[in-house]
Amino acid sequence: LESIRVYPGRDASFTLYDDDGVTNAYRNGGGTSATLHWDDATKRLTASGRLPTGQDAAKLVQVVQPDAR
């Protein structure tokens, strides 16, 4: 991963999943996942486990500010 884009405005959570992309090993628990949570009040992203790529989620955050109109 190069970055995780966050559009602030409210709390959010999602699961990032990765497998080999070739076999059906995911059916038997192959692959890795991490649940990411954005806390809008603190402007902080945390992960419940290591990202599939092994990277630190907090270092990948790119907060995207909405266009001011």
PDB file of N, CA and C in Angstrom:
ATOM      1  N   LEU A   1       0.829  -1.183   0.000  1.00  0.00           N
ATOM      2  CA  LEU A   1       0.000   0.000   0.000  1.00  0.00           C
ATOM      3  C   LEU A   1       0.874   1.246   0.000  1.00  0.00           C
ATOM      4  N   GLU A   2       0.460   2.232  -0.724  1.00  0.00           N
ATOM      5  CA  GLU A   2       1.158   3.506  -0.710  1.00  0.00           C
ATOM      6  C   GLU A   2       0.497   4.466   0.259  1.00  0.00           C
ATOM      7  N   SER A   3      -0.837   4.467   0.312  1.00  0.00           N
ATOM      8  CA  SER A   3      -1.539   5.352   1.234  1.00  0.00           C
ATOM      9  C   SER A   3      -2.954   4.849   1.456  1.00  0.00           C
ATOM     10  N   ILE A   4      -3.537   5.312   2.541  1.00  0.00           N
ATOM     11  CA  ILE A   4      -4.939   5.065   2.845  1.00  0.00           C
ATOM     12  C   ILE A   4      -5.596   6.433   2.888  1.00  0.00           C
ATOM     13  N   ARG A   5      -6.490   6.677   1.955  1.00  0.00           N
ATOM     14  CA  ARG A   5      -7.146   7.997   1.881  1.00  0.00           C
ATOM     15  C   ARG A   5      -8.330   8.015   2.831  1.00  0.00           C
ATOM     16  N   VAL A   6      -8.379   9.025   3.671  1.00  0.00           N
ATOM     17  CA  VAL A   6      -9.464   9.197   4.633  1.00  0.00           C
ATOM     18  C   VAL A   6     -10.181  10.506   4.320  1.00  0.00           C
ATOM     19  N   TYR A   7     -11.489  10.416   4.154  1.00  0.00           N
ATOM     20  CA  TYR A   7     -12.328  11.587   3.954  1.00  0.00           C
ATOM     21  C   TYR A   7     -13.017  11.856   5.288  1.00  0.00           C
ATOM     22  N   PRO A   8     -12.527  12.834   6.052  1.00  0.00           N
ATOM     23  CA  PRO A   8     -13.044  13.046   7.404  1.00  0.00           C
ATOM     24  C   PRO A   8     -14.492  13.519   7.415  1.00  0.00           C
ATOM     25  N   GLY A   9     -15.103  13.365   8.575  1.00  0.00           N
ATOM     26  CA  GLY A   9     -16.474  13.808   8.739  1.00  0.00           C
ATOM     27  C   GLY A   9     -17.211  13.000   9.784  1.00  0.00           C
ATOM     28  N   ARG A  10     -16.823  11.730   9.942  1.00  0.00           N
ATOM     29  CA  ARG A  10     -17.390  10.895  10.993  1.00  0.00           C
ATOM     30  C   ARG A  10     -16.551   9.637  11.153  1.00  0.00           C
ATOM     31  N   ASP A  11     -16.781   8.932  12.249  1.00  0.00           N
ATOM     32  CA  ASP A  11     -16.050   7.696  12.510  1.00  0.00           C
ATOM     33  C   ASP A  11     -16.393   6.648  11.451  1.00  0.00           C
ATOM     34  N   ALA A  12     -15.436   5.771  11.173  1.00  0.00           N
ATOM     35  CA  ALA A  12     -15.666   4.711  10.196  1.00  0.00           C
ATOM     36  C   ALA A  12     -14.740   3.540  10.494  1.00  0.00           C
ATOM     37  N   SER A  13     -15.164   2.347  10.088  1.00  0.00           N
ATOM     38  CA  SER A  13     -14.348   1.139  10.222  1.00  0.00           C
ATOM     39  C   SER A  13     -14.500   0.306   8.960  1.00  0.00           C
ATOM     40  N   PHE A  14     -13.449  -0.412   8.610  1.00  0.00           N
ATOM     41  CA  PHE A  14     -13.519  -1.353   7.503  1.00  0.00           C
ATOM     42  C   PHE A  14     -12.420  -2.385   7.659  1.00  0.00           C
ATOM     43  N   THR A  15     -12.581  -3.500   6.970  1.00  0.00           N
ATOM     44  CA  THR A  15     -11.606  -4.581   7.043  1.00  0.00           C
ATOM     45  C   THR A  15     -10.820  -4.630   5.748  1.00  0.00           C
ATOM     46  N   LEU A  16      -9.517  -4.635   5.882  1.00  0.00           N
ATOM     47  CA  LEU A  16      -8.602  -4.753   4.752  1.00  0.00           C
ATOM     48  C   LEU A  16      -8.138  -6.200   4.712  1.00  0.00           C
ATOM     49  N   TYR A  17      -8.357  -6.885   3.597  1.00  0.00           N
ATOM     50  CA  TYR A  17      -8.053  -8.309   3.466  1.00  0.00           C
ATOM     51  C   TYR A  17      -7.110  -8.527   2.292  1.00  0.00           C
ATOM     52  N   ASP A  18      -6.209  -9.491   2.443  1.00  0.00           N
ATOM     53  CA  ASP A  18      -5.277  -9.813   1.367  1.00  0.00           C
ATOM     54  C   ASP A  18      -5.043 -11.318   1.342  1.00  0.00           C
ATOM     55  N   ASP A  19      -5.025 -11.885   0.156  1.00  0.00           N
ATOM     56  CA  ASP A  19      -4.637 -13.285  -0.004  1.00  0.00           C
ATOM     57  C   ASP A  19      -3.720 -13.395  -1.210  1.00  0.00           C
ATOM     58  N   ASP A  20      -3.373 -14.627  -1.590  1.00  0.00           N
ATOM     59  CA  ASP A  20      -2.409 -14.787  -2.681  1.00  0.00           C
ATOM     60  C   ASP A  20      -2.979 -14.422  -4.047  1.00  0.00           C
ATOM     61  N   GLY A  21      -4.301 -14.286  -4.156  1.00  0.00           N
ATOM     62  CA  GLY A  21      -4.912 -13.872  -5.409  1.00  0.00           C
ATOM     63  C   GLY A  21      -4.948 -14.945  -6.483  1.00  0.00           C
ATOM     64  N   VAL A  22      -4.517 -16.161  -6.136  1.00  0.00           N
ATOM     65  CA  VAL A  22      -4.438 -17.207  -7.143  1.00  0.00           C
ATOM     66  C   VAL A  22      -5.211 -18.460  -6.720  1.00  0.00           C
ATOM     67  N   THR A  23      -5.007 -18.907  -5.503  1.00  0.00           N
ATOM     68  CA  THR A  23      -5.591 -20.167  -5.051  1.00  0.00           C
ATOM     69  C   THR A  23      -6.854 -19.933  -4.225  1.00  0.00           C
ATOM     70  N   ASN A  24      -7.443 -21.021  -3.781  1.00  0.00           N
ATOM     71  CA  ASN A  24      -8.596 -20.971  -2.895  1.00  0.00           C
ATOM     72  C   ASN A  24      -8.180 -21.137  -1.436  1.00  0.00           C
ATOM     73  N   ALA A  25      -6.942 -20.846  -1.107  1.00  0.00           N
ATOM     74  CA  ALA A  25      -6.430 -21.016   0.254  1.00  0.00           C
ATOM     75  C   ALA A  25      -7.196 -20.170   1.263  1.00  0.00           C
ATOM     76  N   TYR A  26      -7.805 -19.080   0.806  1.00  0.00           N
ATOM     77  CA  TYR A  26      -8.576 -18.231   1.725  1.00  0.00           C
ATOM     78  C   TYR A  26      -9.704 -19.014   2.395  1.00  0.00           C
ATOM     79  N   ARG A  27     -10.199 -20.039   1.745  1.00  0.00           N
ATOM     80  CA  ARG A  27     -11.278 -20.856   2.310  1.00  0.00           C
ATOM     81  C   ARG A  27     -10.827 -21.605   3.562  1.00  0.00           C
ATOM     82  N   ASN A  28      -9.539 -21.835   3.659  1.00  0.00           N
ATOM     83  CA  ASN A  28      -8.981 -22.562   4.803  1.00  0.00           C
ATOM     84  C   ASN A  28      -8.197 -21.639   5.718  1.00  0.00           C
ATOM     85  N   GLY A  29      -8.511 -20.354   5.689  1.00  0.00           N
ATOM     86  CA  GLY A  29      -7.853 -19.403   6.578  1.00  0.00           C
ATOM     87  C   GLY A  29      -6.608 -18.762   6.001  1.00  0.00           C
ATOM     88  N   GLY A  30      -6.293 -19.033   4.749  1.00  0.00           N
ATOM     89  CA  GLY A  30      -5.141 -18.390   4.118  1.00  0.00           C
ATOM     90  C   GLY A  30      -5.422 -16.914   3.924  1.00  0.00           C
ATOM     91  N   GLY A  31      -4.404 -16.110   3.942  1.00  0.00           N
ATOM     92  CA  GLY A  31      -4.577 -14.670   3.801  1.00  0.00           C
ATOM     93  C   GLY A  31      -4.555 -13.995   5.158  1.00  0.00           C
ATOM     94  N   THR A  32      -4.510 -12.687   5.138  1.00  0.00           N
ATOM     95  CA  THR A  32      -4.470 -11.912   6.373  1.00  0.00           C
ATOM     96  C   THR A  32      -5.454 -10.754   6.263  1.00  0.00           C
ATOM     97  N   SER A  33      -5.869 -10.269   7.420  1.00  0.00           N
ATOM     98  CA  SER A  33      -6.773  -9.125   7.421  1.00  0.00           C
ATOM     99  C   SER A  33      -6.520  -8.274   8.656  1.00  0.00           C
ATOM    100  N   ALA A  34      -6.935  -7.037   8.570  1.00  0.00           N
ATOM    101  CA  ALA A  34      -6.862  -6.109   9.699  1.00  0.00           C
ATOM    102  C   ALA A  34      -8.078  -5.198   9.606  1.00  0.00           C
ATOM    103  N   THR A  35      -8.703  -4.936  10.736  1.00  0.00           N
ATOM    104  CA  THR A  35      -9.805  -3.996  10.778  1.00  0.00           C
ATOM    105  C   THR A  35      -9.244  -2.622  11.094  1.00  0.00           C
ATOM    106  N   LEU A  36      -9.549  -1.655  10.249  1.00  0.00           N
ATOM    107  CA  LEU A  36      -9.082  -0.287  10.426  1.00  0.00           C
ATOM    108  C   LEU A  36     -10.225   0.559  10.972  1.00  0.00           C
ATOM    109  N   HIS A  37      -9.898   1.471  11.881  1.00  0.00           N
ATOM    110  CA  HIS A  37     -10.909   2.349  12.455  1.00  0.00           C
ATOM    111  C   HIS A  37     -10.407   3.787  12.416  1.00  0.00           C
ATOM    112  N   TRP A  38     -11.224   4.673  11.835  1.00  0.00           N
ATOM    113  CA  TRP A  38     -10.939   6.104  11.802  1.00  0.00           C
ATOM    114  C   TRP A  38     -11.746   6.766  12.910  1.00  0.00           C
ATOM    115  N   ASP A  39     -11.044   7.454  13.830  1.00  0.00           N
ATOM    116  CA  ASP A  39     -11.680   8.220  14.896  1.00  0.00           C
ATOM    117  C   ASP A  39     -11.640   9.678  14.458  1.00  0.00           C
ATOM    118  N   ASP A  40     -12.792  10.210  14.073  1.00  0.00           N
ATOM    119  CA  ASP A  40     -12.821  11.550  13.499  1.00  0.00           C
ATOM    120  C   ASP A  40     -12.489  12.624  14.523  1.00  0.00           C
ATOM    121  N   ALA A  41     -12.831  12.413  15.796  1.00  0.00           N
ATOM    122  CA  ALA A  41     -12.559  13.422  16.825  1.00  0.00           C
ATOM    123  C   ALA A  41     -11.062  13.610  17.043  1.00  0.00           C
ATOM    124  N   THR A  42     -10.314  12.512  16.992  1.00  0.00           N
ATOM    125  CA  THR A  42      -8.862  12.593  17.219  1.00  0.00           C
ATOM    126  C   THR A  42      -8.079  12.635  15.915  1.00  0.00           C
ATOM    127  N   LYS A  43      -8.786  12.439  14.782  1.00  0.00           N
ATOM    128  CA  LYS A  43      -8.138  12.387  13.453  1.00  0.00           C
ATOM    129  C   LYS A  43      -7.048  11.322  13.430  1.00  0.00           C
ATOM    130  N   ARG A  44      -7.419  10.121  13.895  1.00  0.00           N
ATOM    131  CA  ARG A  44      -6.436   9.049  14.014  1.00  0.00           C
ATOM    132  C   ARG A  44      -6.983   7.744  13.446  1.00  0.00           C
ATOM    133  N   LEU A  45      -6.131   7.027  12.694  1.00  0.00           N
ATOM    134  CA  LEU A  45      -6.473   5.725  12.142  1.00  0.00           C
ATOM    135  C   LEU A  45      -5.718   4.660  12.919  1.00  0.00           C
ATOM    136  N   THR A  46      -6.433   3.653  13.403  1.00  0.00           N
ATOM    137  CA  THR A  46      -5.796   2.538  14.108  1.00  0.00           C
ATOM    138  C   THR A  46      -6.156   1.234  13.414  1.00  0.00           C
ATOM    139  N   ALA A  47      -5.351   0.218  13.633  1.00  0.00           N
ATOM    140  CA  ALA A  47      -5.585  -1.098  13.041  1.00  0.00           C
ATOM    141  C   ALA A  47      -5.606  -2.147  14.138  1.00  0.00           C
ATOM    142  N   SER A  48      -6.539  -3.087  14.033  1.00  0.00           N
ATOM    143  CA  SER A  48      -6.623  -4.182  14.991  1.00  0.00           C
ATOM    144  C   SER A  48      -5.797  -5.347  14.468  1.00  0.00           C
ATOM    145  N   GLY A  49      -4.531  -5.154  14.395  1.00  0.00           N
ATOM    146  CA  GLY A  49      -3.635  -6.163  13.843  1.00  0.00           C
ATOM    147  C   GLY A  49      -2.752  -5.535  12.786  1.00  0.00           C
ATOM    148  N   ARG A  50      -1.813  -6.310  12.323  1.00  0.00           N
ATOM    149  CA  ARG A  50      -0.903  -5.812  11.287  1.00  0.00           C
ATOM    150  C   ARG A  50      -1.624  -5.776   9.952  1.00  0.00           C
ATOM    151  N   LEU A  51      -1.297  -4.783   9.164  1.00  0.00           N
ATOM    152  CA  LEU A  51      -1.825  -4.744   7.803  1.00  0.00           C
ATOM    153  C   LEU A  51      -1.271  -5.924   7.027  1.00  0.00           C
ATOM    154  N   PRO A  52      -1.999  -6.405   6.028  1.00  0.00           N
ATOM    155  CA  PRO A  52      -1.494  -7.511   5.222  1.00  0.00           C
ATOM    156  C   PRO A  52      -0.108  -7.244   4.635  1.00  0.00           C
ATOM    157  N   THR A  53       0.209  -6.002   4.374  1.00  0.00           N
ATOM    158  CA  THR A  53       1.509  -5.661   3.807  1.00  0.00           C
ATOM    159  C   THR A  53       2.589  -5.526   4.870  1.00  0.00           C
ATOM    160  N   GLY A  54       2.191  -5.559   6.161  1.00  0.00           N
ATOM    161  CA  GLY A  54       3.141  -5.402   7.252  1.00  0.00           C
ATOM    162  C   GLY A  54       3.423  -3.956   7.603  1.00  0.00           C
ATOM    163  N   GLN A  55       2.821  -3.025   6.887  1.00  0.00           N
ATOM    164  CA  GLN A  55       3.071  -1.601   7.114  1.00  0.00           C
ATOM    165  C   GLN A  55       2.273  -1.089   8.313  1.00  0.00           C
ATOM    166  N   ASP A  56       2.700   0.041   8.850  1.00  0.00           N
ATOM    167  CA  ASP A  56       2.012   0.714   9.945  1.00  0.00           C
ATOM    168  C   ASP A  56       0.897   1.572   9.356  1.00  0.00           C
ATOM    169  N   ALA A  57      -0.351   1.289   9.741  1.00  0.00           N
ATOM    170  CA  ALA A  57      -1.501   2.014   9.183  1.00  0.00           C
ATOM    171  C   ALA A  57      -1.390   3.513   9.401  1.00  0.00           C
ATOM    172  N   ALA A  58      -0.954   3.922  10.574  1.00  0.00           N
ATOM    173  CA  ALA A  58      -0.885   5.348  10.890  1.00  0.00           C
ATOM    174  C   ALA A  58       0.041   6.108   9.950  1.00  0.00           C
ATOM    175  N   LYS A  59       1.080   5.465   9.477  1.00  0.00           N
ATOM    176  CA  LYS A  59       2.035   6.134   8.581  1.00  0.00           C
ATOM    177  C   LYS A  59       1.519   6.238   7.149  1.00  0.00           C
ATOM    178  N   LEU A  60       0.446   5.524   6.847  1.00  0.00           N
ATOM    179  CA  LEU A  60      -0.093   5.524   5.484  1.00  0.00           C
ATOM    180  C   LEU A  60      -1.250   6.502   5.299  1.00  0.00           C
ATOM    181  N   VAL A  61      -1.726   7.099   6.375  1.00  0.00           N
ATOM    182  CA  VAL A  61      -2.919   7.935   6.308  1.00  0.00           C
ATOM    183  C   VAL A  61      -2.669   9.189   5.486  1.00  0.00           C
ATOM    184  N   GLN A  62      -3.587   9.448   4.585  1.00  0.00           N
ATOM    185  CA  GLN A  62      -3.606  10.674   3.799  1.00  0.00           C
ATOM    186  C   GLN A  62      -5.001  11.256   3.979  1.00  0.00           C
ATOM    187  N   VAL A  63      -5.140  12.275   4.795  1.00  0.00           N
ATOM    188  CA  VAL A  63      -6.449  12.890   5.043  1.00  0.00           C
ATOM    189  C   VAL A  63      -6.784  13.803   3.876  1.00  0.00           C
ATOM    190  N   VAL A  64      -7.947  13.592   3.295  1.00  0.00           N
ATOM    191  CA  VAL A  64      -8.389  14.365   2.148  1.00  0.00           C
ATOM    192  C   VAL A  64      -9.430  15.376   2.626  1.00  0.00           C
ATOM    193  N   GLN A  65      -9.111  16.637   2.469  1.00  0.00           N
ATOM    194  CA  GLN A  65     -10.018  17.698   2.873  1.00  0.00           C
ATOM    195  C   GLN A  65     -11.030  17.954   1.764  1.00  0.00           C
ATOM    196  N   PRO A  66     -12.311  18.067   2.130  1.00  0.00           N
ATOM    197  CA  PRO A  66     -13.307  18.348   1.103  1.00  0.00           C
ATOM    198  C   PRO A  66     -13.091  19.738   0.502  1.00  0.00           C
ATOM    199  N   ASP A  67     -13.492  19.887  -0.738  1.00  0.00           N
ATOM    200  CA  ASP A  67     -13.360  21.184  -1.401  1.00  0.00           C
ATOM    201  C   ASP A  67     -14.219  22.221  -0.699  1.00  0.00           C
ATOM    202  N   ALA A  68     -13.631  23.365  -0.434  1.00  0.00           N
ATOM    203  CA  ALA A  68     -14.400  24.472   0.161  1.00  0.00           C
ATOM    204  C   ALA A  68     -15.111  25.205  -0.969  1.00  0.00           C
ATOM    205  N   ARG A  69     -16.388  25.320  -0.882  1.00  0.00           N
ATOM    206  CA  ARG A  69     -17.161  25.961  -1.953  1.00  0.00           C
ATOM    207  C   ARG A  69     -17.920  27.112  -1.422  1.00  0.00           C
TER     208      ARG A  69
END
